[in-house]
């Protein structure tokens, strides 16, 4: 049974592929941040007259906060009470699903010729 030999690619083609993949990777990571669709949005919980106890800190934690340079509870208040905002919109969720399913369909469509060649080579000559 013959082994599949992929079509050769020039060095320039390989360099272009690497550049395109690098741009797509960086874009996929940066564009959602740039559009404000991702990131670490934190919302601190407001506590009037915070004390270490009202912030849920024990003596060991207080000692560590002091070592980090936070001498009083008010200075560490925002860091201790900050909570991530996990809210989302259904429109953004639908857009994400459409993009992922569309990408999958595009990859299947563009790879169909190669898949058929490999399947024909491996299974149709019996």
N, C-alpha and C. Protein backbone atom coordinates (compact mmCIF):
# COMPACT_ATOMS: atom_id res chain seq x y z
N UNK A 1 0.84 -1.16 0.00
CA UNK A 1 0.00 0.00 0.00
C UNK A 1 0.90 1.24 0.00
N UNK A 2 0.65 2.15 -0.93
CA UNK A 2 1.46 3.35 -1.05
C UNK A 2 1.18 4.31 0.10
N UNK A 3 2.23 4.97 0.52
CA UNK A 3 2.08 5.95 1.59
C UNK A 3 1.70 7.30 0.99
N UNK A 4 0.91 8.05 1.74
CA UNK A 4 0.49 9.38 1.29
C UNK A 4 1.68 10.32 1.35
N UNK A 5 1.91 11.02 0.26
CA UNK A 5 2.98 12.01 0.20
C UNK A 5 2.31 13.36 -0.02
N UNK A 6 2.40 14.25 0.95
CA UNK A 6 1.75 15.56 0.78
C UNK A 6 2.45 16.37 -0.30
N UNK A 7 1.73 17.28 -0.92
CA UNK A 7 2.36 18.11 -1.96
C UNK A 7 3.46 18.97 -1.35
N UNK A 8 4.57 19.14 -2.06
CA UNK A 8 5.68 19.94 -1.52
C UNK A 8 5.30 21.42 -1.43
N UNK A 9 5.94 22.10 -0.49
CA UNK A 9 5.69 23.52 -0.31
C UNK A 9 7.03 24.25 -0.32
N UNK A 10 7.07 25.39 -0.98
CA UNK A 10 8.32 26.16 -1.06
C UNK A 10 8.65 26.80 0.28
N UNK A 11 9.89 27.23 0.41
CA UNK A 11 10.32 27.92 1.64
C UNK A 11 9.53 29.21 1.83
N UNK A 12 9.30 29.94 0.74
CA UNK A 12 8.53 31.18 0.83
C UNK A 12 7.11 30.89 1.31
N UNK A 13 6.52 29.82 0.81
CA UNK A 13 5.18 29.43 1.25
C UNK A 13 5.15 29.10 2.73
N UNK A 14 6.20 28.43 3.22
CA UNK A 14 6.28 28.10 4.64
C UNK A 14 6.41 29.36 5.49
N UNK A 15 7.23 30.31 5.03
CA UNK A 15 7.40 31.57 5.77
C UNK A 15 6.08 32.33 5.81
N UNK A 16 5.39 32.38 4.69
CA UNK A 16 4.09 33.08 4.65
C UNK A 16 3.10 32.39 5.58
N UNK A 17 3.09 31.05 5.58
CA UNK A 17 2.20 30.31 6.48
C UNK A 17 2.48 30.64 7.94
N UNK A 18 3.76 30.69 8.31
CA UNK A 18 4.13 31.01 9.69
C UNK A 18 3.68 32.42 10.06
N UNK A 19 3.90 33.37 9.16
CA UNK A 19 3.50 34.75 9.43
C UNK A 19 1.98 34.86 9.58
N UNK A 20 1.24 34.21 8.69
CA UNK A 20 -0.23 34.25 8.76
C UNK A 20 -0.70 33.62 10.07
N UNK A 21 -0.14 32.47 10.45
CA UNK A 21 -0.54 31.82 11.70
C UNK A 21 -0.19 32.67 12.91
N UNK A 22 0.95 33.34 12.88
CA UNK A 22 1.34 34.22 13.98
C UNK A 22 0.38 35.40 14.10
N UNK A 23 0.04 36.02 12.97
CA UNK A 23 -0.90 37.15 12.98
C UNK A 23 -2.27 36.69 13.48
N UNK A 24 -2.74 35.53 13.02
CA UNK A 24 -4.03 35.02 13.46
C UNK A 24 -4.02 34.69 14.95
N UNK A 25 -2.93 34.13 15.44
CA UNK A 25 -2.84 33.79 16.87
C UNK A 25 -2.85 35.04 17.74
N UNK A 26 -2.03 36.00 17.37
CA UNK A 26 -1.99 37.25 18.14
C UNK A 26 -3.33 37.97 18.03
N UNK A 27 -3.92 37.97 16.85
CA UNK A 27 -5.22 38.60 16.66
C UNK A 27 -6.30 37.94 17.49
N UNK A 28 -6.28 36.62 17.54
CA UNK A 28 -7.30 35.89 18.31
C UNK A 28 -7.17 36.19 19.80
N UNK A 29 -5.97 36.49 20.26
CA UNK A 29 -5.77 36.80 21.67
C UNK A 29 -6.00 38.28 21.97
N UNK A 30 -5.65 39.17 21.04
CA UNK A 30 -5.68 40.60 21.32
C UNK A 30 -7.01 41.27 20.96
N UNK A 31 -7.63 40.87 19.85
CA UNK A 31 -8.84 41.54 19.38
C UNK A 31 -9.98 41.52 20.41
N UNK A 32 -10.25 40.39 21.10
CA UNK A 32 -11.30 40.45 22.12
C UNK A 32 -10.99 41.45 23.24
N UNK A 33 -9.72 41.58 23.61
CA UNK A 33 -9.36 42.58 24.62
C UNK A 33 -9.55 43.99 24.08
N UNK A 34 -9.16 44.21 22.84
CA UNK A 34 -9.27 45.52 22.21
C UNK A 34 -10.73 45.93 22.05
N UNK A 35 -11.61 44.96 21.76
CA UNK A 35 -13.03 45.25 21.58
C UNK A 35 -13.78 45.29 22.91
N UNK A 36 -13.11 44.99 24.01
CA UNK A 36 -13.75 45.02 25.32
C UNK A 36 -14.63 43.80 25.57
N UNK A 37 -14.39 42.71 24.84
CA UNK A 37 -15.18 41.50 25.02
C UNK A 37 -14.57 40.55 26.04
N UNK A 38 -13.35 40.81 26.47
CA UNK A 38 -12.69 39.92 27.42
C UNK A 38 -11.82 40.77 28.34
N UNK A 39 -11.35 40.16 29.36
CA UNK A 39 -10.47 40.85 30.28
C UNK A 39 -10.88 40.59 31.70
N UNK A 40 -10.13 41.13 32.61
CA UNK A 40 -10.40 40.87 34.02
C UNK A 40 -11.12 42.05 34.64
N UNK A 41 -12.38 42.21 34.30
CA UNK A 41 -13.18 43.26 34.91
C UNK A 41 -13.50 42.84 36.34
N UNK A 42 -13.06 43.65 37.26
CA UNK A 42 -13.28 43.34 38.67
C UNK A 42 -14.14 44.43 39.30
N UNK A 43 -15.04 44.00 40.14
CA UNK A 43 -15.91 44.94 40.83
C UNK A 43 -15.73 44.75 42.33
N UNK A 44 -15.06 45.70 43.01
CA UNK A 44 -14.90 45.55 44.45
C UNK A 44 -16.21 45.76 45.20
N UNK A 45 -16.40 45.03 46.26
CA UNK A 45 -17.57 45.17 47.12
C UNK A 45 -17.26 46.26 48.14
N UNK A 46 -18.15 47.22 48.24
CA UNK A 46 -17.91 48.35 49.14
C UNK A 46 -18.22 47.94 50.58
N UNK A 47 -17.25 48.16 51.47
CA UNK A 47 -17.43 47.90 52.90
C UNK A 47 -17.12 49.20 53.62
N UNK A 48 -18.11 49.72 54.38
CA UNK A 48 -17.88 50.96 55.13
C UNK A 48 -17.02 50.66 56.35
N UNK A 49 -16.05 51.51 56.58
CA UNK A 49 -15.12 51.37 57.71
C UNK A 49 -14.59 49.94 57.80
N UNK A 50 -13.80 49.51 56.81
CA UNK A 50 -13.34 48.12 56.82
C UNK A 50 -12.38 47.84 57.97
N UNK A 51 -12.55 46.67 58.52
CA UNK A 51 -11.58 46.14 59.50
C UNK A 51 -11.08 44.82 58.93
N UNK A 52 -9.97 44.33 59.48
CA UNK A 52 -9.46 43.06 58.99
C UNK A 52 -10.49 41.94 59.18
N UNK A 53 -11.23 42.01 60.28
CA UNK A 53 -12.23 40.98 60.56
C UNK A 53 -13.40 41.07 59.58
N UNK A 54 -13.86 42.30 59.27
CA UNK A 54 -14.98 42.45 58.34
C UNK A 54 -14.59 42.06 56.91
N UNK A 55 -13.30 42.06 56.64
CA UNK A 55 -12.81 41.63 55.33
C UNK A 55 -12.49 40.14 55.31
N UNK A 56 -12.71 39.45 56.44
CA UNK A 56 -12.51 38.01 56.50
C UNK A 56 -11.05 37.59 56.58
N UNK A 57 -10.23 38.43 57.17
CA UNK A 57 -8.80 38.13 57.26
C UNK A 57 -8.45 37.65 58.67
N UNK A 58 -7.68 36.58 58.74
CA UNK A 58 -7.22 36.09 60.04
C UNK A 58 -5.85 36.70 60.36
N UNK A 59 -5.32 36.50 61.58
CA UNK A 59 -4.04 37.13 61.95
C UNK A 59 -2.88 36.81 61.01
N UNK A 60 -2.83 35.58 60.50
CA UNK A 60 -1.75 35.23 59.58
C UNK A 60 -1.87 36.02 58.29
N UNK A 61 -3.10 36.17 57.80
CA UNK A 61 -3.32 36.95 56.58
C UNK A 61 -2.97 38.41 56.81
N UNK A 62 -3.34 38.93 57.96
CA UNK A 62 -3.04 40.34 58.28
C UNK A 62 -1.53 40.54 58.29
N UNK A 63 -0.80 39.59 58.85
CA UNK A 63 0.66 39.69 58.89
C UNK A 63 1.23 39.73 57.47
N UNK A 64 0.71 38.89 56.59
CA UNK A 64 1.17 38.87 55.20
C UNK A 64 0.83 40.18 54.48
N UNK A 65 -0.37 40.72 54.73
CA UNK A 65 -0.73 42.01 54.13
C UNK A 65 0.22 43.09 54.60
N UNK A 66 0.57 43.06 55.87
CA UNK A 66 1.52 44.05 56.41
C UNK A 66 2.89 43.90 55.75
N UNK A 67 3.32 42.66 55.53
CA UNK A 67 4.60 42.44 54.87
C UNK A 67 4.59 42.93 53.42
N UNK A 68 3.43 42.92 52.81
CA UNK A 68 3.30 43.41 51.43
C UNK A 68 3.17 44.93 51.35
N UNK A 69 3.10 45.58 52.52
CA UNK A 69 3.05 47.04 52.54
C UNK A 69 1.67 47.62 52.76
N UNK A 70 0.70 46.80 53.09
CA UNK A 70 -0.65 47.28 53.36
C UNK A 70 -0.81 47.34 54.88
N UNK A 71 -0.63 48.54 55.44
CA UNK A 71 -0.62 48.68 56.89
C UNK A 71 -2.01 48.68 57.51
N UNK A 72 -3.00 49.12 56.75
CA UNK A 72 -4.35 49.17 57.31
C UNK A 72 -5.34 48.49 56.37
N UNK A 73 -6.51 48.11 56.88
CA UNK A 73 -7.49 47.40 56.05
C UNK A 73 -8.01 48.24 54.88
N UNK A 74 -8.07 49.54 55.04
CA UNK A 74 -8.58 50.39 53.96
C UNK A 74 -7.69 50.33 52.73
N UNK A 75 -6.38 50.20 52.92
CA UNK A 75 -5.47 50.16 51.77
C UNK A 75 -5.56 48.83 51.01
N UNK A 76 -5.93 47.75 51.68
CA UNK A 76 -6.04 46.44 51.03
C UNK A 76 -7.49 46.11 50.65
N UNK A 77 -8.41 46.99 51.00
CA UNK A 77 -9.85 46.74 50.80
C UNK A 77 -10.20 46.34 49.36
N UNK A 78 -9.75 47.14 48.37
CA UNK A 78 -10.12 46.87 46.98
C UNK A 78 -9.56 45.54 46.49
N UNK A 79 -8.36 45.18 46.90
CA UNK A 79 -7.79 43.90 46.45
C UNK A 79 -8.49 42.71 47.10
N UNK A 80 -8.87 42.84 48.34
CA UNK A 80 -9.50 41.72 49.05
C UNK A 80 -10.93 41.49 48.56
N UNK A 81 -11.66 42.56 48.33
CA UNK A 81 -13.09 42.42 47.98
C UNK A 81 -13.36 42.37 46.48
N UNK A 82 -12.33 42.52 45.65
CA UNK A 82 -12.54 42.50 44.20
C UNK A 82 -13.02 41.13 43.75
N UNK A 83 -14.07 41.11 42.96
CA UNK A 83 -14.64 39.88 42.41
C UNK A 83 -14.72 40.02 40.90
N UNK A 84 -14.44 38.94 40.20
CA UNK A 84 -14.53 38.96 38.74
C UNK A 84 -15.98 39.10 38.31
N UNK A 85 -16.18 39.83 37.24
CA UNK A 85 -17.51 40.02 36.67
C UNK A 85 -17.70 38.98 35.56
N UNK A 86 -18.55 37.99 35.81
CA UNK A 86 -18.75 36.91 34.86
C UNK A 86 -20.00 37.12 33.99
N UNK A 87 -20.47 38.32 33.91
CA UNK A 87 -21.67 38.58 33.10
C UNK A 87 -21.32 38.48 31.61
N UNK A 88 -22.29 38.12 30.81
CA UNK A 88 -22.11 38.04 29.37
C UNK A 88 -23.44 38.35 28.70
N UNK A 89 -23.39 38.55 27.41
CA UNK A 89 -24.61 38.80 26.65
C UNK A 89 -24.88 37.61 25.74
N UNK A 90 -26.15 37.35 25.49
CA UNK A 90 -26.50 36.23 24.62
C UNK A 90 -26.08 36.50 23.19
N UNK A 91 -26.05 37.75 22.80
CA UNK A 91 -25.61 38.09 21.45
C UNK A 91 -24.15 37.73 21.22
N UNK A 92 -23.31 38.06 22.21
CA UNK A 92 -21.89 37.71 22.11
C UNK A 92 -21.70 36.19 22.12
N UNK A 93 -22.52 35.51 22.92
CA UNK A 93 -22.44 34.04 22.96
C UNK A 93 -22.84 33.45 21.61
N UNK A 94 -23.90 33.97 21.00
CA UNK A 94 -24.34 33.49 19.69
C UNK A 94 -23.28 33.77 18.63
N UNK A 95 -22.67 34.95 18.70
CA UNK A 95 -21.61 35.30 17.75
C UNK A 95 -20.44 34.33 17.88
N UNK A 96 -20.06 34.00 19.10
CA UNK A 96 -18.96 33.06 19.32
C UNK A 96 -19.29 31.69 18.74
N UNK A 97 -20.52 31.22 18.94
CA UNK A 97 -20.93 29.92 18.41
C UNK A 97 -20.89 29.95 16.88
N UNK A 98 -21.39 31.02 16.27
CA UNK A 98 -21.39 31.14 14.81
C UNK A 98 -19.95 31.14 14.28
N UNK A 99 -19.06 31.85 14.94
CA UNK A 99 -17.66 31.90 14.49
C UNK A 99 -17.02 30.53 14.58
N UNK A 100 -17.22 29.82 15.69
CA UNK A 100 -16.59 28.51 15.87
C UNK A 100 -17.16 27.49 14.89
N UNK A 101 -18.48 27.44 14.75
CA UNK A 101 -19.09 26.49 13.81
C UNK A 101 -18.71 26.86 12.37
N UNK A 102 -18.67 28.14 12.06
CA UNK A 102 -18.26 28.58 10.72
C UNK A 102 -16.83 28.20 10.42
N UNK A 103 -15.95 28.37 11.39
CA UNK A 103 -14.54 27.99 11.20
C UNK A 103 -14.43 26.49 10.96
N UNK A 104 -15.16 25.69 11.75
CA UNK A 104 -15.13 24.23 11.59
C UNK A 104 -15.64 23.85 10.19
N UNK A 105 -16.75 24.43 9.74
CA UNK A 105 -17.29 24.13 8.42
C UNK A 105 -16.32 24.55 7.32
N UNK A 106 -15.68 25.71 7.49
CA UNK A 106 -14.71 26.18 6.51
C UNK A 106 -13.52 25.22 6.42
N UNK A 107 -13.01 24.77 7.55
CA UNK A 107 -11.88 23.84 7.54
C UNK A 107 -12.26 22.51 6.89
N UNK A 108 -13.46 22.01 7.16
CA UNK A 108 -13.90 20.79 6.51
C UNK A 108 -14.03 20.98 5.00
N UNK A 109 -14.58 22.11 4.60
CA UNK A 109 -14.79 22.37 3.17
C UNK A 109 -13.45 22.52 2.46
N UNK A 110 -12.51 23.26 3.04
CA UNK A 110 -11.22 23.48 2.40
C UNK A 110 -10.36 22.21 2.40
N UNK A 111 -10.57 21.33 3.36
CA UNK A 111 -9.77 20.11 3.46
C UNK A 111 -10.41 18.92 2.77
N UNK A 112 -11.58 19.10 2.22
CA UNK A 112 -12.33 17.97 1.64
C UNK A 112 -11.54 17.28 0.54
N UNK A 113 -10.89 18.02 -0.33
CA UNK A 113 -10.14 17.43 -1.43
C UNK A 113 -9.02 16.53 -0.90
N UNK A 114 -8.25 17.03 0.07
CA UNK A 114 -7.16 16.23 0.63
C UNK A 114 -7.68 15.01 1.36
N UNK A 115 -8.76 15.16 2.10
CA UNK A 115 -9.36 14.01 2.80
C UNK A 115 -9.78 12.94 1.79
N UNK A 116 -10.42 13.36 0.71
CA UNK A 116 -10.87 12.39 -0.31
C UNK A 116 -9.68 11.68 -0.96
N UNK A 117 -8.60 12.41 -1.21
CA UNK A 117 -7.40 11.79 -1.79
C UNK A 117 -6.81 10.74 -0.87
N UNK A 118 -6.71 11.05 0.42
CA UNK A 118 -6.14 10.11 1.37
C UNK A 118 -7.05 8.89 1.51
N UNK A 119 -8.34 9.08 1.61
CA UNK A 119 -9.28 7.97 1.75
C UNK A 119 -9.24 7.09 0.50
N UNK A 120 -9.23 7.72 -0.69
CA UNK A 120 -9.17 6.96 -1.93
C UNK A 120 -7.87 6.15 -2.01
N UNK A 121 -6.78 6.76 -1.61
CA UNK A 121 -5.49 6.10 -1.67
C UNK A 121 -5.43 4.91 -0.72
N UNK A 122 -6.01 5.04 0.45
CA UNK A 122 -5.92 3.98 1.46
C UNK A 122 -6.95 2.89 1.31
N UNK A 123 -8.15 3.21 0.82
CA UNK A 123 -9.23 2.23 0.89
C UNK A 123 -9.84 1.81 -0.44
N UNK A 124 -9.71 2.56 -1.53
CA UNK A 124 -10.39 2.22 -2.75
C UNK A 124 -9.63 1.25 -3.64
N UNK A 125 -8.40 0.95 -3.37
CA UNK A 125 -7.60 0.10 -4.24
C UNK A 125 -7.58 -1.34 -3.76
N UNK A 126 -8.53 -1.75 -2.99
CA UNK A 126 -8.52 -3.12 -2.47
C UNK A 126 -9.29 -4.04 -3.35
